[in-house]
Amino acid sequence: MVKITYIEFDGTEHVVDVPAGLTVMEGARDNGIKGIEADCGGACACSTCHVYVDDAWVGKLPAKDPMEEDMLDFAYEPDPKRSRLTCQIKVTPEIDGLVVRLPERQI
């Protein structure tokens, strides 16, 4: 299991164990994390699983692909450096301890 910390906009923290092989979005969904809607179910066809990756993790994650970059244009207040779609981040042992912050709202 990989520990991921999801921080809601109001500061509420959820530290959850997510099985390797899932996505960060699936970890949120399976643990009832509010604020990640995932309307498209993880197909990278919307931006409702948008988060801000903690600064310490930005350079440690795989790069965004062009499809994710395009979808982030539709996210609420995207940050060019920290914004990611959680459906595009695979859970691996290398991201144990990942911290993501949820935006005020999803679009």
N, C-alpha and C. Protein backbone atom coordinates (compact mmCIF):
# COMPACT_ATOMS: atom_id res chain seq x y z
N MET A 1 0.84 -1.19 0.00
CA MET A 1 0.00 0.00 0.00
C MET A 1 0.88 1.25 0.00
N VAL A 2 0.36 2.29 -0.62
CA VAL A 2 1.07 3.56 -0.74
C VAL A 2 0.26 4.62 0.00
N LYS A 3 0.91 5.38 0.86
CA LYS A 3 0.22 6.45 1.61
C LYS A 3 0.14 7.70 0.74
N ILE A 4 -1.07 8.23 0.64
CA ILE A 4 -1.30 9.48 -0.08
C ILE A 4 -2.11 10.38 0.85
N THR A 5 -1.71 11.64 0.92
CA THR A 5 -2.44 12.62 1.72
C THR A 5 -3.21 13.54 0.78
N TYR A 6 -4.51 13.58 0.98
CA TYR A 6 -5.41 14.46 0.24
C TYR A 6 -5.81 15.57 1.21
N ILE A 7 -5.60 16.82 0.84
CA ILE A 7 -5.95 17.95 1.70
C ILE A 7 -7.07 18.73 1.03
N GLU A 8 -8.22 18.75 1.70
CA GLU A 8 -9.36 19.49 1.18
C GLU A 8 -9.06 20.98 1.21
N PHE A 9 -9.85 21.76 0.48
CA PHE A 9 -9.64 23.20 0.40
C PHE A 9 -9.70 23.85 1.78
N ASP A 10 -10.53 23.29 2.69
CA ASP A 10 -10.65 23.87 4.03
C ASP A 10 -9.54 23.43 4.98
N GLY A 11 -8.60 22.61 4.48
CA GLY A 11 -7.47 22.17 5.29
C GLY A 11 -7.63 20.78 5.89
N THR A 12 -8.80 20.18 5.78
CA THR A 12 -9.02 18.84 6.30
C THR A 12 -8.12 17.84 5.56
N GLU A 13 -7.35 17.07 6.32
CA GLU A 13 -6.42 16.11 5.73
C GLU A 13 -6.97 14.69 5.83
N HIS A 14 -6.74 13.94 4.77
CA HIS A 14 -7.09 12.51 4.73
C HIS A 14 -5.84 11.77 4.29
N VAL A 15 -5.29 10.97 5.17
CA VAL A 15 -4.14 10.13 4.83
C VAL A 15 -4.68 8.73 4.60
N VAL A 16 -4.54 8.24 3.39
CA VAL A 16 -5.12 6.94 3.05
C VAL A 16 -4.08 6.02 2.43
N ASP A 17 -4.32 4.74 2.56
CA ASP A 17 -3.50 3.72 1.91
C ASP A 17 -4.17 3.35 0.60
N VAL A 18 -3.43 3.44 -0.48
CA VAL A 18 -3.96 3.15 -1.81
C VAL A 18 -3.11 2.03 -2.41
N PRO A 19 -3.76 1.00 -2.93
CA PRO A 19 -2.99 -0.08 -3.54
C PRO A 19 -2.23 0.39 -4.79
N ALA A 20 -1.01 -0.09 -4.93
CA ALA A 20 -0.23 0.19 -6.14
C ALA A 20 -1.01 -0.35 -7.34
N GLY A 21 -0.92 0.36 -8.44
CA GLY A 21 -1.61 -0.04 -9.66
C GLY A 21 -2.87 0.76 -9.92
N LEU A 22 -3.44 1.35 -8.87
CA LEU A 22 -4.59 2.24 -9.06
C LEU A 22 -4.07 3.61 -9.45
N THR A 23 -4.98 4.55 -9.62
CA THR A 23 -4.59 5.95 -9.82
C THR A 23 -4.89 6.72 -8.54
N VAL A 24 -4.32 7.90 -8.43
CA VAL A 24 -4.58 8.75 -7.28
C VAL A 24 -6.07 9.10 -7.22
N MET A 25 -6.72 9.23 -8.39
CA MET A 25 -8.16 9.49 -8.44
C MET A 25 -8.94 8.31 -7.87
N GLU A 26 -8.56 7.09 -8.24
CA GLU A 26 -9.27 5.91 -7.73
C GLU A 26 -9.08 5.78 -6.22
N GLY A 27 -7.90 6.16 -5.72
CA GLY A 27 -7.68 6.15 -4.29
C GLY A 27 -8.61 7.10 -3.57
N ALA A 28 -8.83 8.28 -4.14
CA ALA A 28 -9.77 9.24 -3.56
C ALA A 28 -11.20 8.70 -3.62
N ARG A 29 -11.58 8.19 -4.77
CA ARG A 29 -12.94 7.66 -4.95
C ARG A 29 -13.21 6.52 -3.97
N ASP A 30 -12.29 5.59 -3.89
CA ASP A 30 -12.48 4.40 -3.05
C ASP A 30 -12.47 4.71 -1.56
N ASN A 31 -11.94 5.88 -1.20
CA ASN A 31 -11.88 6.26 0.21
C ASN A 31 -12.81 7.41 0.56
N GLY A 32 -13.72 7.74 -0.35
CA GLY A 32 -14.74 8.75 -0.08
C GLY A 32 -14.21 10.15 0.12
N ILE A 33 -13.12 10.50 -0.56
CA ILE A 33 -12.56 11.84 -0.43
C ILE A 33 -13.45 12.82 -1.19
N LYS A 34 -13.98 13.79 -0.47
CA LYS A 34 -14.83 14.80 -1.10
C LYS A 34 -13.96 15.78 -1.86
N GLY A 35 -14.47 16.22 -3.02
CA GLY A 35 -13.77 17.24 -3.78
C GLY A 35 -13.13 16.71 -5.05
N ILE A 36 -13.04 15.40 -5.19
CA ILE A 36 -12.58 14.81 -6.44
C ILE A 36 -13.79 14.10 -7.03
N GLU A 37 -14.38 14.71 -8.05
CA GLU A 37 -15.63 14.21 -8.60
C GLU A 37 -15.42 13.11 -9.64
N ALA A 38 -14.40 13.22 -10.45
CA ALA A 38 -14.05 12.20 -11.44
C ALA A 38 -15.24 11.83 -12.33
N ASP A 39 -15.85 12.84 -12.92
CA ASP A 39 -17.04 12.63 -13.75
C ASP A 39 -16.82 11.67 -14.91
N CYS A 40 -15.63 11.67 -15.50
CA CYS A 40 -15.39 10.82 -16.67
C CYS A 40 -14.90 9.43 -16.28
N GLY A 41 -14.73 9.18 -14.99
CA GLY A 41 -14.31 7.87 -14.54
C GLY A 41 -12.85 7.55 -14.76
N GLY A 42 -12.06 8.55 -15.08
CA GLY A 42 -10.63 8.32 -15.24
C GLY A 42 -10.16 8.25 -16.68
N ALA A 43 -10.98 8.71 -17.61
CA ALA A 43 -10.64 8.64 -19.04
C ALA A 43 -9.88 9.86 -19.54
N CYS A 44 -9.52 10.78 -18.65
CA CYS A 44 -8.85 12.03 -19.03
C CYS A 44 -9.70 12.80 -20.05
N ALA A 45 -11.00 12.84 -19.78
CA ALA A 45 -11.92 13.54 -20.67
C ALA A 45 -12.62 14.70 -19.97
N CYS A 46 -12.17 15.05 -18.77
CA CYS A 46 -12.72 16.19 -18.05
C CYS A 46 -11.63 16.69 -17.12
N SER A 47 -11.95 17.61 -16.25
CA SER A 47 -10.95 18.10 -15.31
C SER A 47 -11.44 18.04 -13.87
N THR A 48 -12.41 17.16 -13.61
CA THR A 48 -13.04 17.13 -12.28
C THR A 48 -12.28 16.29 -11.25
N CYS A 49 -11.06 15.92 -11.57
CA CYS A 49 -10.20 15.26 -10.57
C CYS A 49 -8.92 16.07 -10.38
N HIS A 50 -9.02 17.35 -10.68
CA HIS A 50 -7.89 18.28 -10.61
C HIS A 50 -7.43 18.47 -9.17
N VAL A 51 -6.12 18.48 -8.97
CA VAL A 51 -5.51 18.80 -7.67
C VAL A 51 -4.26 19.64 -7.90
N TYR A 52 -3.76 20.18 -6.80
CA TYR A 52 -2.46 20.85 -6.79
C TYR A 52 -1.50 19.93 -6.05
N VAL A 53 -0.47 19.49 -6.74
CA VAL A 53 0.54 18.63 -6.13
C VAL A 53 1.41 19.49 -5.22
N ASP A 54 1.70 18.97 -4.03
CA ASP A 54 2.56 19.68 -3.10
C ASP A 54 3.91 19.97 -3.78
N ASP A 55 4.44 21.15 -3.51
CA ASP A 55 5.69 21.58 -4.15
C ASP A 55 6.80 20.53 -4.07
N ALA A 56 6.90 19.85 -2.95
CA ALA A 56 7.96 18.86 -2.76
C ALA A 56 7.83 17.68 -3.72
N TRP A 57 6.66 17.49 -4.32
CA TRP A 57 6.41 16.34 -5.19
C TRP A 57 6.37 16.68 -6.67
N VAL A 58 6.35 17.94 -7.02
CA VAL A 58 6.18 18.33 -8.42
C VAL A 58 7.20 17.67 -9.33
N GLY A 59 8.45 17.70 -8.98
CA GLY A 59 9.49 17.14 -9.83
C GLY A 59 9.66 15.64 -9.71
N LYS A 60 8.94 15.01 -8.80
CA LYS A 60 9.10 13.57 -8.58
C LYS A 60 8.08 12.74 -9.35
N LEU A 61 7.06 13.38 -9.90
CA LEU A 61 6.02 12.66 -10.64
C LEU A 61 6.37 12.60 -12.12
N PRO A 62 5.86 11.59 -12.81
CA PRO A 62 6.05 11.56 -14.27
C PRO A 62 5.45 12.82 -14.90
N ALA A 63 6.03 13.25 -16.01
CA ALA A 63 5.56 14.46 -16.69
C ALA A 63 4.13 14.30 -17.20
N LYS A 64 3.45 15.42 -17.33
CA LYS A 64 2.11 15.45 -17.91
C LYS A 64 2.21 15.13 -19.39
N ASP A 65 1.24 14.35 -19.89
CA ASP A 65 1.23 14.14 -21.33
C ASP A 65 0.35 15.22 -21.97
N PRO A 66 0.39 15.36 -23.29
CA PRO A 66 -0.37 16.44 -23.95
C PRO A 66 -1.87 16.42 -23.67
N MET A 67 -2.46 15.22 -23.54
CA MET A 67 -3.91 15.16 -23.27
C MET A 67 -4.22 15.74 -21.90
N GLU A 68 -3.41 15.41 -20.90
CA GLU A 68 -3.62 15.97 -19.57
C GLU A 68 -3.44 17.49 -19.60
N GLU A 69 -2.43 17.97 -20.28
CA GLU A 69 -2.21 19.41 -20.41
C GLU A 69 -3.45 20.09 -20.99
N ASP A 70 -4.02 19.49 -22.04
CA ASP A 70 -5.22 20.06 -22.67
C ASP A 70 -6.40 20.10 -21.70
N MET A 71 -6.62 19.03 -20.95
CA MET A 71 -7.75 18.97 -20.02
C MET A 71 -7.56 19.94 -18.86
N LEU A 72 -6.34 20.19 -18.45
CA LEU A 72 -6.10 21.13 -17.36
C LEU A 72 -6.50 22.55 -17.73
N ASP A 73 -6.60 22.84 -19.02
CA ASP A 73 -7.09 24.16 -19.44
C ASP A 73 -8.52 24.41 -18.97
N PHE A 74 -9.26 23.33 -18.69
CA PHE A 74 -10.65 23.45 -18.27
C PHE A 74 -10.82 23.39 -16.75
N ALA A 75 -9.72 23.20 -16.03
CA ALA A 75 -9.79 23.09 -14.57
C ALA A 75 -10.03 24.45 -13.93
N TYR A 76 -10.49 24.42 -12.69
CA TYR A 76 -10.71 25.63 -11.92
C TYR A 76 -9.36 26.13 -11.42
N GLU A 77 -8.99 27.32 -11.81
CA GLU A 77 -7.75 27.99 -11.39
C GLU A 77 -6.53 27.07 -11.46
N PRO A 78 -6.21 26.59 -12.67
CA PRO A 78 -5.04 25.72 -12.79
C PRO A 78 -3.74 26.47 -12.53
N ASP A 79 -2.80 25.77 -11.96
CA ASP A 79 -1.47 26.30 -11.72
C ASP A 79 -0.53 25.58 -12.69
N PRO A 80 0.18 26.32 -13.53
CA PRO A 80 1.02 25.66 -14.55
C PRO A 80 2.03 24.67 -13.98
N LYS A 81 2.48 24.90 -12.78
CA LYS A 81 3.51 24.04 -12.17
C LYS A 81 2.90 22.89 -11.38
N ARG A 82 1.89 23.16 -10.56
CA ARG A 82 1.41 22.18 -9.59
C ARG A 82 0.14 21.43 -9.98
N SER A 83 -0.62 21.91 -10.95
CA SER A 83 -1.89 21.27 -11.29
C SER A 83 -1.67 19.94 -11.99
N ARG A 84 -2.43 18.95 -11.55
CA ARG A 84 -2.43 17.62 -12.17
C ARG A 84 -3.85 17.07 -12.13
N LEU A 85 -4.11 16.14 -13.04
CA LEU A 85 -5.35 15.36 -12.99
C LEU A 85 -5.00 14.05 -12.31
N THR A 86 -5.71 13.74 -11.23
CA THR A 86 -5.36 12.56 -10.45
C THR A 86 -5.62 11.25 -11.19
N CYS A 87 -6.44 11.30 -12.23
CA CYS A 87 -6.66 10.08 -13.02
C CYS A 87 -5.43 9.71 -13.84
N GLN A 88 -4.49 10.62 -13.95
CA GLN A 88 -3.30 10.40 -14.77
C GLN A 88 -2.06 10.09 -13.94
N ILE A 89 -2.22 10.00 -12.62
CA ILE A 89 -1.09 9.69 -11.76
C ILE A 89 -1.25 8.28 -11.23
N LYS A 90 -0.43 7.37 -11.72
CA LYS A 90 -0.45 5.98 -11.26
C LYS A 90 0.17 5.88 -9.88
N VAL A 91 -0.45 5.06 -9.05
CA VAL A 91 0.07 4.82 -7.71
C VAL A 91 1.16 3.74 -7.81
N THR A 92 2.36 4.13 -7.40
CA THR A 92 3.51 3.23 -7.39
C THR A 92 4.23 3.43 -6.05
N PRO A 93 5.07 2.50 -5.66
CA PRO A 93 5.83 2.68 -4.41
C PRO A 93 6.64 3.98 -4.41
N GLU A 94 7.04 4.46 -5.57
CA GLU A 94 7.85 5.68 -5.65
C GLU A 94 7.10 6.94 -5.21
N ILE A 95 5.76 6.89 -5.20
CA ILE A 95 5.03 8.09 -4.77
C ILE A 95 4.48 7.95 -3.35
N ASP A 96 5.00 6.99 -2.60
CA ASP A 96 4.59 6.85 -1.20
C ASP A 96 4.85 8.16 -0.47
N GLY A 97 3.80 8.69 0.17
CA GLY A 97 3.91 9.97 0.88
C GLY A 97 3.44 11.16 0.09
N LEU A 98 2.97 10.94 -1.16
CA LEU A 98 2.47 12.03 -2.00
C LEU A 98 1.43 12.87 -1.27
N VAL A 99 1.51 14.17 -1.45
CA VAL A 99 0.54 15.10 -0.86
C VAL A 99 -0.08 15.90 -2.00
N VAL A 100 -1.43 15.90 -2.05
CA VAL A 100 -2.15 16.69 -3.04
C VAL A 100 -3.18 17.56 -2.33
N ARG A 101 -3.38 18.75 -2.87
CA ARG A 101 -4.35 19.71 -2.30
C ARG A 101 -5.48 19.89 -3.30
N LEU A 102 -6.70 19.84 -2.79
CA LEU A 102 -7.87 19.97 -3.66
C LEU A 102 -8.21 21.44 -3.86
N PRO A 103 -8.66 21.78 -5.07
CA PRO A 103 -9.06 23.16 -5.33
C PRO A 103 -10.36 23.50 -4.59
N GLU A 104 -10.69 24.77 -4.59
CA GLU A 104 -11.92 25.22 -3.93
C GLU A 104 -13.14 24.50 -4.52
N ARG A 105 -13.09 24.25 -5.82
CA ARG A 105 -14.19 23.54 -6.48
C ARG A 105 -13.67 22.95 -7.78
N GLN A 106 -14.44 22.02 -8.31
CA GLN A 106 -14.14 21.44 -9.62
C GLN A 106 -15.10 22.05 -10.62
N ILE A 107 -14.70 22.07 -11.87
CA ILE A 107 -15.58 22.60 -12.93
C ILE A 107 -16.22 21.43 -13.64
